PDB file of N, CA and C in Angstrom:
ATOM      1  N   MET A   1       0.852  -1.198   0.007  1.00  0.00           N
ATOM      2  CA  MET A   1       0.007   0.005   0.005  1.00  0.00           C
ATOM      3  C   MET A   1       0.878   1.207   0.006  1.00  0.00           C
ATOM      4  N   HIS A   2       0.474   2.207  -0.772  1.00  0.00           N
ATOM      5  CA  HIS A   2       1.112   3.506  -0.706  1.00  0.00           C
ATOM      6  C   HIS A   2       0.006   4.553  -0.949  1.00  0.00           C
ATOM      7  N   PHE A   3       0.391   5.807  -0.816  1.00  0.00           N
ATOM      8  CA  PHE A   3      -0.618   6.851  -0.995  1.00  0.00           C
ATOM      9  C   PHE A   3       0.056   8.014  -1.669  1.00  0.00           C
ATOM     10  N   THR A   4      -0.756   8.854  -2.234  1.00  0.00           N
ATOM     11  CA  THR A   4      -0.277  10.152  -2.795  1.00  0.00           C
ATOM     12  C   THR A   4      -1.047  11.250  -2.053  1.00  0.00           C
ATOM     13  N   LYS A   5      -0.354  12.360  -1.880  1.00  0.00           N
ATOM     14  CA  LYS A   5      -0.963  13.475  -1.150  1.00  0.00           C
ATOM     15  C   LYS A   5      -0.799  14.735  -2.010  1.00  0.00           C
ATOM     16  N   ARG A   6      -1.875  15.507  -2.075  1.00  0.00           N
ATOM     17  CA  ARG A   6      -1.882  16.758  -2.818  1.00  0.00           C
ATOM     18  C   ARG A   6      -2.627  17.778  -2.006  1.00  0.00           C
ATOM     19  N   ILE A   7      -2.044  18.965  -1.927  1.00  0.00           N
ATOM     20  CA  ILE A   7      -2.655  20.052  -1.136  1.00  0.00           C
ATOM     21  C   ILE A   7      -3.003  21.166  -2.143  1.00  0.00           C
ATOM     22  N   ASP A   8      -4.277  21.552  -2.096  1.00  0.00           N
ATOM     23  CA  ASP A   8      -4.807  22.658  -2.937  1.00  0.00           C
ATOM     24  C   ASP A   8      -5.391  23.689  -1.960  1.00  0.00           C
ATOM     25  N   GLY A   9      -4.599  24.689  -1.657  1.00  0.00           N
ATOM     26  CA  GLY A   9      -5.034  25.738  -0.740  1.00  0.00           C
ATOM     27  C   GLY A   9      -5.248  25.163   0.655  1.00  0.00           C
ATOM     28  N   THR A  10      -6.533  25.136   1.088  1.00  0.00           N
ATOM     29  CA  THR A  10      -6.817  24.661   2.421  1.00  0.00           C
ATOM     30  C   THR A  10      -7.383  23.236   2.400  1.00  0.00           C
ATOM     31  N   ALA A  11      -7.338  22.607   1.245  1.00  0.00           N
ATOM     32  CA  ALA A  11      -7.843  21.215   1.113  1.00  0.00           C
ATOM     33  C   ALA A  11      -6.698  20.255   0.815  1.00  0.00           C
ATOM     34  N   ALA A  12      -6.688  19.160   1.545  1.00  0.00           N
ATOM     35  CA  ALA A  12      -5.670  18.124   1.294  1.00  0.00           C
ATOM     36  C   ALA A  12      -6.409  16.913   0.708  1.00  0.00           C
ATOM     37  N   HIS A  13      -5.811  16.300  -0.304  1.00  0.00           N
ATOM     38  CA  HIS A  13      -6.378  15.102  -0.935  1.00  0.00           C
ATOM     39  C   HIS A  13      -5.350  13.987  -0.789  1.00  0.00           C
ATOM     40  N   ILE A  14      -5.792  12.942  -0.100  1.00  0.00           N
ATOM     41  CA  ILE A  14      -4.928  11.753   0.063  1.00  0.00           C
ATOM     42  C   ILE A  14      -5.560  10.638  -0.707  1.00  0.00           C
ATOM     43  N   THR A  15      -4.837  10.081  -1.681  1.00  0.00           N
ATOM     44  CA  THR A  15      -5.340   8.979  -2.454  1.00  0.00           C
ATOM     45  C   THR A  15      -4.620   7.710  -2.007  1.00  0.00           C
ATOM     46  N   VAL A  16      -5.389   6.721  -1.608  1.00  0.00           N
ATOM     47  CA  VAL A  16      -4.853   5.472  -1.099  1.00  0.00           C
ATOM     48  C   VAL A  16      -4.781   4.479  -2.281  1.00  0.00           C
ATOM     49  N   HIS A  17      -3.612   3.855  -2.412  1.00  0.00           N
ATOM     50  CA  HIS A  17      -3.398   2.839  -3.437  1.00  0.00           C
ATOM     51  C   HIS A  17      -3.122   1.528  -2.714  1.00  0.00           C
ATOM     52  N   GLY A  18      -4.135   0.674  -2.639  1.00  0.00           N
ATOM     53  CA  GLY A  18      -3.970  -0.613  -1.957  1.00  0.00           C
ATOM     54  C   GLY A  18      -5.022  -0.747  -0.831  1.00  0.00           C
ATOM     55  N   GLU A  19      -4.776  -1.702   0.040  1.00  0.00           N
ATOM     56  CA  GLU A  19      -5.723  -2.030   1.097  1.00  0.00           C
ATOM     57  C   GLU A  19      -5.567  -1.107   2.292  1.00  0.00           C
ATOM     58  N   ILE A  20      -6.686  -0.854   2.982  1.00  0.00           N
ATOM     59  CA  ILE A  20      -6.653  -0.139   4.243  1.00  0.00           C
ATOM     60  C   ILE A  20      -7.025  -1.151   5.303  1.00  0.00           C
ATOM     61  N   ASP A  21      -6.032  -1.466   6.130  1.00  0.00           N
ATOM     62  CA  ASP A  21      -6.202  -2.383   7.250  1.00  0.00           C
ATOM     63  C   ASP A  21      -5.341  -1.964   8.428  1.00  0.00           C
ATOM     64  N   TYR A  22      -5.310  -2.763   9.467  1.00  0.00           N
ATOM     65  CA  TYR A  22      -4.539  -2.353  10.664  1.00  0.00           C
ATOM     66  C   TYR A  22      -3.039  -2.255  10.390  1.00  0.00           C
ATOM     67  N   THR A  23      -2.531  -2.923   9.373  1.00  0.00           N
ATOM     68  CA  THR A  23      -1.112  -2.812   9.008  1.00  0.00           C
ATOM     69  C   THR A  23      -0.836  -1.456   8.391  1.00  0.00           C
ATOM     70  N   THR A  24      -1.718  -0.965   7.548  1.00  0.00           N
ATOM     71  CA  THR A  24      -1.487   0.294   6.863  1.00  0.00           C
ATOM     72  C   THR A  24      -2.032   1.530   7.617  1.00  0.00           C
ATOM     73  N   LEU A  25      -2.873   1.282   8.627  1.00  0.00           N
ATOM     74  CA  LEU A  25      -3.498   2.368   9.387  1.00  0.00           C
ATOM     75  C   LEU A  25      -2.482   3.375   9.946  1.00  0.00           C
ATOM     76  N   PRO A  26      -1.391   2.947  10.602  1.00  0.00           N
ATOM     77  CA  PRO A  26      -0.464   3.922  11.170  1.00  0.00           C
ATOM     78  C   PRO A  26       0.116   4.876  10.147  1.00  0.00           C
ATOM     79  N   LEU A  27       0.456   4.360   8.980  1.00  0.00           N
ATOM     80  CA  LEU A  27       1.026   5.179   7.907  1.00  0.00           C
ATOM     81  C   LEU A  27       0.025   6.210   7.414  1.00  0.00           C
ATOM     82  N   LEU A  28      -1.227   5.787   7.239  1.00  0.00           N
ATOM     83  CA  LEU A  28      -2.249   6.724   6.792  1.00  0.00           C
ATOM     84  C   LEU A  28      -2.604   7.767   7.849  1.00  0.00           C
ATOM     85  N   ARG A  29      -2.650   7.310   9.081  1.00  0.00           N
ATOM     86  CA  ARG A  29      -2.893   8.288  10.185  1.00  0.00           C
ATOM     87  C   ARG A  29      -1.781   9.347  10.226  1.00  0.00           C
ATOM     88  N   ALA A  30      -0.553   8.907  10.071  1.00  0.00           N
ATOM     89  CA  ALA A  30       0.583   9.804  10.115  1.00  0.00           C
ATOM     90  C   ALA A  30       0.497  10.823   8.921  1.00  0.00           C
ATOM     91  N   ALA A  31       0.087  10.326   7.786  1.00  0.00           N
ATOM     92  CA  ALA A  31      -0.053  11.243   6.630  1.00  0.00           C
ATOM     93  C   ALA A  31      -1.085  12.341   6.943  1.00  0.00           C
ATOM     94  N   ALA A  32      -2.191  11.961   7.520  1.00  0.00           N
ATOM     95  CA  ALA A  32      -3.232  12.945   7.843  1.00  0.00           C
ATOM     96  C   ALA A  32      -2.822  13.858   8.978  1.00  0.00           C
ATOM     97  N   ALA A  33      -2.153  13.306   9.962  1.00  0.00           N
ATOM     98  CA  ALA A  33      -1.728  14.114  11.144  1.00  0.00           C
ATOM     99  C   ALA A  33      -0.601  15.095  10.755  1.00  0.00           C
ATOM    100  N   GLY A  34       0.118  14.804   9.689  1.00  0.00           N
ATOM    101  CA  GLY A  34       1.208  15.654   9.275  1.00  0.00           C
ATOM    102  C   GLY A  34       0.848  16.777   8.301  1.00  0.00           C
ATOM    103  N   LEU A  35      -0.444  16.989   8.138  1.00  0.00           N
ATOM    104  CA  LEU A  35      -0.895  18.047   7.207  1.00  0.00           C
ATOM    105  C   LEU A  35      -0.551  19.399   7.757  1.00  0.00           C
ATOM    106  N   PRO A  36      -0.309  20.406   6.898  1.00  0.00           N
ATOM    107  CA  PRO A  36      -0.024  21.749   7.387  1.00  0.00           C
ATOM    108  C   PRO A  36      -1.179  22.345   8.196  1.00  0.00           C
ATOM    109  N   PRO A  37      -0.905  23.233   9.086  1.00  0.00           N
ATOM    110  CA  PRO A  37      -1.961  23.785   9.962  1.00  0.00           C
ATOM    111  C   PRO A  37      -3.050  24.579   9.200  1.00  0.00           C
ATOM    112  N   ASN A  38      -2.740  25.053   7.993  1.00  0.00           N
ATOM    113  CA  ASN A  38      -3.743  25.819   7.259  1.00  0.00           C
ATOM    114  C   ASN A  38      -4.803  24.926   6.589  1.00  0.00           C
ATOM    115  N   VAL A  39      -4.606  23.616   6.573  1.00  0.00           N
ATOM    116  CA  VAL A  39      -5.545  22.704   5.931  1.00  0.00           C
ATOM    117  C   VAL A  39      -6.780  22.563   6.832  1.00  0.00           C
ATOM    118  N   THR A  40      -7.964  22.780   6.227  1.00  0.00           N
ATOM    119  CA  THR A  40      -9.206  22.693   6.934  1.00  0.00           C
ATOM    120  C   THR A  40     -10.115  21.578   6.406  1.00  0.00           C
ATOM    121  N   GLU A  41      -9.729  21.016   5.285  1.00  0.00           N
ATOM    122  CA  GLU A  41     -10.536  19.941   4.664  1.00  0.00           C
ATOM    123  C   GLU A  41      -9.622  18.797   4.246  1.00  0.00           C
ATOM    124  N   LEU A  42     -10.058  17.585   4.560  1.00  0.00           N
ATOM    125  CA  LEU A  42      -9.292  16.384   4.152  1.00  0.00           C
ATOM    126  C   LEU A  42     -10.193  15.505   3.334  1.00  0.00           C
ATOM    127  N   VAL A  43      -9.764  15.194   2.104  1.00  0.00           N
ATOM    128  CA  VAL A  43     -10.503  14.369   1.208  1.00  0.00           C
ATOM    129  C   VAL A  43      -9.740  13.046   1.007  1.00  0.00           C
ATOM    130  N   TRP A  44     -10.354  11.968   1.393  1.00  0.00           N
ATOM    131  CA  TRP A  44      -9.763  10.624   1.165  1.00  0.00           C
ATOM    132  C   TRP A  44     -10.306  10.144  -0.185  1.00  0.00           C
ATOM    133  N   ASP A  45      -9.446   9.936  -1.151  1.00  0.00           N
ATOM    134  CA  ASP A  45      -9.827   9.398  -2.446  1.00  0.00           C
ATOM    135  C   ASP A  45      -9.517   7.908  -2.429  1.00  0.00           C
ATOM    136  N   LEU A  46     -10.579   7.090  -2.515  1.00  0.00           N
ATOM    137  CA  LEU A  46     -10.424   5.617  -2.378  1.00  0.00           C
ATOM    138  C   LEU A  46     -10.660   4.867  -3.666  1.00  0.00           C
ATOM    139  N   HIS A  47     -10.419   5.552  -4.808  1.00  0.00           N
ATOM    140  CA  HIS A  47     -10.693   4.887  -6.083  1.00  0.00           C
ATOM    141  C   HIS A  47      -9.780   3.695  -6.294  1.00  0.00           C
ATOM    142  N   ASP A  48      -8.638   3.666  -5.662  1.00  0.00           N
ATOM    143  CA  ASP A  48      -7.683   2.558  -5.821  1.00  0.00           C
ATOM    144  C   ASP A  48      -7.540   1.747  -4.544  1.00  0.00           C
ATOM    145  N   ALA A  49      -8.481   1.909  -3.642  1.00  0.00           N
ATOM    146  CA  ALA A  49      -8.506   1.090  -2.425  1.00  0.00           C
ATOM    147  C   ALA A  49      -9.583   0.084  -2.542  1.00  0.00           C
ATOM    148  N   CYS A  50      -9.210  -1.126  -3.003  1.00  0.00           N
ATOM    149  CA  CYS A  50     -10.233  -2.124  -3.302  1.00  0.00           C
ATOM    150  C   CYS A  50     -10.724  -2.872  -2.044  1.00  0.00           C
ATOM    151  N   PHE A  51      -9.991  -2.733  -0.947  1.00  0.00           N
ATOM    152  CA  PHE A  51     -10.393  -3.384   0.304  1.00  0.00           C
ATOM    153  C   PHE A  51     -10.149  -2.484   1.470  1.00  0.00           C
ATOM    154  N   MET A  52     -11.099  -2.506   2.403  1.00  0.00           N
ATOM    155  CA  MET A  52     -11.014  -1.728   3.657  1.00  0.00           C
ATOM    156  C   MET A  52     -11.630  -2.537   4.733  1.00  0.00           C
ATOM    157  N   ASP A  53     -10.938  -2.732   5.856  1.00  0.00           N
ATOM    158  CA  ASP A  53     -11.521  -3.362   6.998  1.00  0.00           C
ATOM    159  C   ASP A  53     -11.909  -2.325   8.054  1.00  0.00           C
ATOM    160  N   VAL A  54     -12.185  -2.738   9.271  1.00  0.00           N
ATOM    161  CA  VAL A  54     -12.601  -1.824  10.311  1.00  0.00           C
ATOM    162  C   VAL A  54     -11.590  -0.705  10.563  1.00  0.00           C
ATOM    163  N   ALA A  55     -10.347  -0.979  10.271  1.00  0.00           N
ATOM    164  CA  ALA A  55      -9.326   0.094  10.436  1.00  0.00           C
ATOM    165  C   ALA A  55      -9.648   1.301   9.576  1.00  0.00           C
ATOM    166  N   GLY A  56     -10.293   1.071   8.400  1.00  0.00           N
ATOM    167  CA  GLY A  56     -10.686   2.202   7.577  1.00  0.00           C
ATOM    168  C   GLY A  56     -11.754   3.050   8.235  1.00  0.00           C
ATOM    169  N   LEU A  57     -12.642   2.423   8.958  1.00  0.00           N
ATOM    170  CA  LEU A  57     -13.673   3.207   9.705  1.00  0.00           C
ATOM    171  C   LEU A  57     -13.007   4.096  10.709  1.00  0.00           C
ATOM    172  N   HIS A  58     -12.022   3.590  11.424  1.00  0.00           N
ATOM    173  CA  HIS A  58     -11.274   4.397  12.380  1.00  0.00           C
ATOM    174  C   HIS A  58     -10.644   5.585  11.651  1.00  0.00           C
ATOM    175  N   LEU A  59     -10.013   5.320  10.525  1.00  0.00           N
ATOM    176  CA  LEU A  59      -9.307   6.322   9.778  1.00  0.00           C
ATOM    177  C   LEU A  59     -10.259   7.428   9.320  1.00  0.00           C
ATOM    178  N   LEU A  60     -11.438   7.050   8.843  1.00  0.00           N
ATOM    179  CA  LEU A  60     -12.329   8.022   8.300  1.00  0.00           C
ATOM    180  C   LEU A  60     -13.138   8.821   9.341  1.00  0.00           C
ATOM    181  N   PHE A  61     -13.354   8.218  10.479  1.00  0.00           N
ATOM    182  CA  PHE A  61     -14.247   8.869  11.472  1.00  0.00           C
ATOM    183  C   PHE A  61     -13.470   9.556  12.617  1.00  0.00           C
ATOM    184  N   GLU A  62     -12.141   9.348  12.683  1.00  0.00           N
ATOM    185  CA  GLU A  62     -11.349   9.994  13.742  1.00  0.00           C
ATOM    186  C   GLU A  62     -10.720  11.250  13.191  1.00  0.00           C
ATOM    187  N   GLN A  63     -10.581  12.252  14.013  1.00  0.00           N
ATOM    188  CA  GLN A  63      -9.853  13.459  13.617  1.00  0.00           C
ATOM    189  C   GLN A  63      -8.360  13.128  13.606  1.00  0.00           C
ATOM    190  N   PRO A  64      -7.652  13.552  12.545  1.00  0.00           N
ATOM    191  CA  PRO A  64      -6.226  13.248  12.426  1.00  0.00           C
ATOM    192  C   PRO A  64      -5.352  13.744  13.570  1.00  0.00           C
ATOM    193  N   SER A  65      -5.693  14.920  14.083  1.00  0.00           N
ATOM    194  CA  SER A  65      -4.858  15.485  15.154  1.00  0.00           C
ATOM    195  C   SER A  65      -5.749  16.063  16.237  1.00  0.00           C
ATOM    196  N   PRO A  66      -5.737  15.507  17.426  1.00  0.00           N
ATOM    197  CA  PRO A  66      -6.593  16.010  18.486  1.00  0.00           C
ATOM    198  C   PRO A  66      -6.204  17.409  18.953  1.00  0.00           C
ATOM    199  N   GLN A  67      -4.967  17.824  18.690  1.00  0.00           N
ATOM    200  CA  GLN A  67      -4.487  19.155  19.101  1.00  0.00           C
ATOM    201  C   GLN A  67      -4.969  20.266  18.197  1.00  0.00           C
ATOM    202  N   GLY A  68      -5.067  19.969  16.926  1.00  0.00           N
ATOM    203  CA  GLY A  68      -5.447  20.992  15.930  1.00  0.00           C
ATOM    204  C   GLY A  68      -6.922  21.172  15.796  1.00  0.00           C
ATOM    205  N   PRO A  69      -7.349  22.140  15.002  1.00  0.00           N
ATOM    206  CA  PRO A  69      -8.768  22.364  14.759  1.00  0.00           C
ATOM    207  C   PRO A  69      -9.361  21.172  13.977  1.00  0.00           C
ATOM    208  N   PRO A  70     -10.638  20.866  14.169  1.00  0.00           N
ATOM    209  CA  PRO A  70     -11.227  19.731  13.460  1.00  0.00           C
ATOM    210  C   PRO A  70     -11.210  19.968  11.935  1.00  0.00           C
ATOM    211  N   LEU A  71     -10.911  18.904  11.201  1.00  0.00           N
ATOM    212  CA  LEU A  71     -10.953  18.974   9.747  1.00  0.00           C
ATOM    213  C   LEU A  71     -12.298  18.465   9.236  1.00  0.00           C
ATOM    214  N   LYS A  72     -12.805  19.092   8.168  1.00  0.00           N
ATOM    215  CA  LYS A  72     -13.933  18.523   7.478  1.00  0.00           C
ATOM    216  C   LYS A  72     -13.399  17.367   6.648  1.00  0.00           C
ATOM    217  N   THR A  73     -13.850  16.151   6.936  1.00  0.00           N
ATOM    218  CA  THR A  73     -13.352  14.976   6.282  1.00  0.00           C
ATOM    219  C   THR A  73     -14.417  14.415   5.335  1.00  0.00           C
ATOM    220  N   THR A  74     -14.042  14.190   4.082  1.00  0.00           N
ATOM    221  CA  THR A  74     -14.925  13.542   3.142  1.00  0.00           C
ATOM    222  C   THR A  74     -14.208  12.405   2.465  1.00  0.00           C
ATOM    223  N   VAL A  75     -15.010  11.546   1.833  1.00  0.00           N
ATOM    224  CA  VAL A  75     -14.385  10.426   1.097  1.00  0.00           C
ATOM    225  C   VAL A  75     -15.027  10.460  -0.299  1.00  0.00           C
ATOM    226  N   THR A  76     -14.217  10.110  -1.302  1.00  0.00           N
ATOM    227  CA  THR A  76     -14.699  10.143  -2.669  1.00  0.00           C
ATOM    228  C   THR A  76     -14.223   8.894  -3.406  1.00  0.00           C
ATOM    229  N   ASN A  77     -14.917   8.607  -4.514  1.00  0.00           N
ATOM    230  CA  ASN A  77     -14.514   7.488  -5.384  1.00  0.00           C
ATOM    231  C   ASN A  77     -14.452   6.163  -4.641  1.00  0.00           C
ATOM    232  N   LEU A  78     -15.471   5.867  -3.865  1.00  0.00           N
ATOM    233  CA  LEU A  78     -15.518   4.621  -3.131  1.00  0.00           C
ATOM    234  C   LEU A  78     -15.667   3.409  -4.053  1.00  0.00           C
ATOM    235  N   ALA A  79     -14.762   2.441  -3.872  1.00  0.00           N
ATOM    236  CA  ALA A  79     -14.898   1.199  -4.547  1.00  0.00           C
ATOM    237  C   ALA A  79     -16.045   0.397  -3.900  1.00  0.00           C
ATOM    238  N   PRO A  80     -16.559  -0.633  -4.552  1.00  0.00           N
ATOM    239  CA  PRO A  80     -17.724  -1.332  -3.981  1.00  0.00           C
ATOM    240  C   PRO A  80     -17.532  -1.903  -2.579  1.00  0.00           C
ATOM    241  N   GLN A  81     -16.420  -2.522  -2.281  1.00  0.00           N
ATOM    242  CA  GLN A  81     -16.232  -3.126  -0.952  1.00  0.00           C
ATOM    243  C   GLN A  81     -16.166  -2.081   0.145  1.00  0.00           C
ATOM    244  N   PRO A  82     -15.368  -1.020   0.021  1.00  0.00           N
ATOM    245  CA  PRO A  82     -15.366  -0.011   1.082  1.00  0.00           C
ATOM    246  C   PRO A  82     -16.744   0.656   1.255  1.00  0.00           C
ATOM    247  N   LEU A  83     -17.427   0.875   0.146  1.00  0.00           N
ATOM    248  CA  LEU A  83     -18.789   1.446   0.232  1.00  0.00           C
ATOM    249  C   LEU A  83     -19.700   0.527   1.020  1.00  0.00           C
ATOM    250  N   ARG A  84     -19.653  -0.784   0.742  1.00  0.00           N
ATOM    251  CA  ARG A  84     -20.510  -1.739   1.504  1.00  0.00           C
ATOM    252  C   ARG A  84     -20.187  -1.666   2.988  1.00  0.00           C
ATOM    253  N   LEU A  85     -18.909  -1.610   3.311  1.00  0.00           N
ATOM    254  CA  LEU A  85     -18.456  -1.540   4.709  1.00  0.00           C
ATOM    255  C   LEU A  85     -19.043  -0.306   5.405  1.00  0.00           C
ATOM    256  N   LEU A  86     -18.952   0.860   4.709  1.00  0.00           N
ATOM    257  CA  LEU A  86     -19.487   2.093   5.286  1.00  0.00           C
ATOM    258  C   LEU A  86     -21.010   1.997   5.472  1.00  0.00           C
ATOM    259  N   LEU A  87     -21.714   1.465   4.492  1.00  0.00           N
ATOM    260  CA  LEU A  87     -23.165   1.308   4.598  1.00  0.00           C
ATOM    261  C   LEU A  87     -23.546   0.359   5.727  1.00  0.00           C
ATOM    262  N   LEU A  88     -22.808  -0.730   5.877  1.00  0.00           N
ATOM    263  CA  LEU A  88     -23.069  -1.654   6.950  1.00  0.00           C
ATOM    264  C   LEU A  88     -22.819  -1.034   8.316  1.00  0.00           C
ATOM    265  N   ALA A  89     -21.737  -0.285   8.412  1.00  0.00           N
ATOM    266  CA  ALA A  89     -21.417   0.409   9.673  1.00  0.00           C
ATOM    267  C   ALA A  89     -22.506   1.382  10.034  1.00  0.00           C
ATOM    268  N   ALA A  90     -23.031   2.109   9.053  1.00  0.00           N
ATOM    269  CA  ALA A  90     -24.102   3.054   9.280  1.00  0.00           C
ATOM    270  C   ALA A  90     -25.401   2.339   9.682  1.00  0.00           C
ATOM    271  N   GLU A  91     -25.626   1.185   9.111  1.00  0.00           N
ATOM    272  CA  GLU A  91     -26.813   0.380   9.466  1.00  0.00           C
ATOM    273  C   GLU A  91     -26.730  -0.142  10.889  1.00  0.00           C
ATOM    274  N   VAL A  92     -25.555  -0.626  11.273  1.00  0.00           N
ATOM    275  CA  VAL A  92     -25.357  -1.196  12.605  1.00  0.00           C
ATOM    276  C   VAL A  92     -25.348  -0.127  13.674  1.00  0.00           C
ATOM    277  N   ASN A  93     -24.771   1.027  13.308  1.00  0.00           N
ATOM    278  CA  ASN A  93     -24.672   2.152  14.269  1.00  0.00           C
ATOM    279  C   ASN A  93     -25.240   3.407  13.645  1.00  0.00           C
ATOM    280  N   PRO A  94     -26.564   3.604  13.779  1.00  0.00           N
ATOM    281  CA  PRO A  94     -27.209   4.767  13.166  1.00  0.00           C
ATOM    282  C   PRO A  94     -26.637   6.114  13.657  1.00  0.00           C
ATOM    283  N   ALA A  95     -26.024   6.124  14.821  1.00  0.00           N
ATOM    284  CA  ALA A  95     -25.419   7.380  15.307  1.00  0.00           C
ATOM    285  C   ALA A  95     -24.174   7.761  14.520  1.00  0.00           C
ATOM    286  N   LEU A  96     -23.632   6.835  13.783  1.00  0.00           N
ATOM    287  CA  LEU A  96     -22.474   7.103  12.959  1.00  0.00           C
ATOM    288  C   LEU A  96     -22.870   8.112  11.868  1.00  0.00           C
ATOM    289  N   GLU A  97     -22.119   9.158  11.791  1.00  0.00           N
ATOM    290  CA  GLU A  97     -22.486  10.218  10.862  1.00  0.00           C
ATOM    291  C   GLU A  97     -21.899   9.973   9.476  1.00  0.00           C
ATOM    292  N   PHE A  98     -22.422   8.926   8.820  1.00  0.00           N
ATOM    293  CA  PHE A  98     -21.957   8.502   7.527  1.00  0.00           C
ATOM    294  C   PHE A  98     -22.117   9.583   6.470  1.00  0.00           C
ATOM    295  N   ALA A  99     -23.255  10.255   6.509  1.00  0.00           N
ATOM    296  CA  ALA A  99     -23.541  11.279   5.488  1.00  0.00           C
ATOM    297  C   ALA A  99     -22.507  12.403   5.474  1.00  0.00           C
ATOM    298  N   GLN A 100     -21.905  12.708   6.636  1.00  0.00           N
ATOM    299  CA  GLN A 100     -20.892  13.780   6.687  1.00  0.00           C
ATOM    300  C   GLN A 100     -19.688  13.407   5.885  1.00  0.00           C
ATOM    301  N   LEU A 101     -19.420  12.158   5.656  1.00  0.00           N
ATOM    302  CA  LEU A 101     -18.231  11.723   4.869  1.00  0.00           C
ATOM    303  C   LEU A 101     -18.430  11.931   3.366  1.00  0.00           C
ATOM    304  N   LEU A 102     -19.665  12.018   2.924  1.00  0.00           N
ATOM    305  CA  LEU A 102     -19.913  12.059   1.526  1.00  0.00           C
ATOM    306  C   LEU A 102     -19.800  13.494   1.040  1.00  0.00           C
ATOM    307  N   PRO A 103     -19.235  13.658  -0.152  1.00  0.00           N
ATOM    308  CA  PRO A 103     -19.157  15.004  -0.714  1.00  0.00           C
ATOM    309  C   PRO A 103     -20.528  15.569  -0.971  1.00  0.00           C
ATOM    310  N   ASP A 104     -20.592  16.851  -1.198  1.00  0.00           N
ATOM    311  CA  ASP A 104     -21.902  17.507  -1.480  1.00  0.00           C
ATOM    312  C   ASP A 104     -22.605  16.920  -2.704  1.00  0.00           C
ATOM    313  N   THR A 105     -21.826  16.478  -3.699  1.00  0.00           N
ATOM    314  CA  THR A 105     -22.423  15.941  -4.902  1.00  0.00           C
ATOM    315  C   THR A 105     -22.207  14.421  -4.901  1.00  0.00           C
ATOM    316  N   LEU A 106     -23.277  13.678  -4.780  1.00  0.00           N
ATOM    317  CA  LEU A 106     -23.192  12.232  -4.756  1.00  0.00           C
ATOM    318  C   LEU A 106     -23.202  11.659  -6.152  1.00  0.00           C
ATOM    319  N   PRO A 107     -22.479  10.527  -6.356  1.00  0.00           N
ATOM    320  CA  PRO A 107     -22.500   9.878  -7.665  1.00  0.00           C
ATOM    321  C   PRO A 107     -23.922   9.363  -7.939  1.00  0.00           C
ATOM    322  N   ALA A 108     -24.288   9.340  -9.200  1.00  0.00           N
ATOM    323  CA  ALA A 108     -25.654   8.905  -9.580  1.00  0.00           C
ATOM    324  C   ALA A 108     -25.948   7.497  -9.074  1.00  0.00           C
ATOM    325  N   ALA A 109     -24.958   6.595  -9.059  1.00  0.00           N
ATOM    326  CA  ALA A 109     -25.180   5.226  -8.619  1.00  0.00           C
ATOM    327  C   ALA A 109     -25.713   5.172  -7.191  1.00  0.00           C
ATOM    328  N   LEU A 110     -25.278   6.064  -6.341  1.00  0.00           N
ATOM    329  CA  LEU A 110     -25.760   6.081  -4.952  1.00  0.00           C
ATOM    330  C   LEU A 110     -27.162   6.631  -4.867  1.00  0.00           C
ATOM    331  N   LEU A 111     -27.511   7.547  -5.741  1.00  0.00           N
ATOM    332  CA  LEU A 111     -28.840   8.188  -5.707  1.00  0.00           C
ATOM    333  C   LEU A 111     -29.918   7.249  -6.252  1.00  0.00           C
ATOM    334  N   ASP A 112     -29.575   6.203  -7.039  1.00  0.00           N
ATOM    335  CA  ASP A 112     -30.536   5.324  -7.645  1.00  0.00           C
ATOM    336  C   ASP A 112     -31.070   4.309  -6.664  1.00  0.00           C
ATOM    337  N   ASP A 113     -30.445   4.141  -5.508  1.00  0.00           N
ATOM    338  CA  ASP A 113     -30.897   3.096  -4.554  1.00  0.00           C
ATOM    339  C   ASP A 113     -32.160   3.485  -3.846  1.00  0.00           C
TER     340      ASP A 113
END
């Protein structure tokens, strides 16, 4: 697993290439925690993350740095398996704020359900 990081003004985009699991979680957490202080939005691009286990839920729902201001976190380009995991987590735990992770514009495939 590796990732690419791009910063556009106050938004950081981290694209994950490979699996998100407890082995890769520390590296991804460190990437998010190491963002510059002017970053206010974190976008996880998961187009190339074909598998995500519960570690991915921790990654997406935890703030990267408890000392800094909260980041608006969104996820985009969900592959089928990570999407199923997020939907299942939201079903099991309705208090989970799944909708906050989705960008303002949803893909048509999600709106058809």
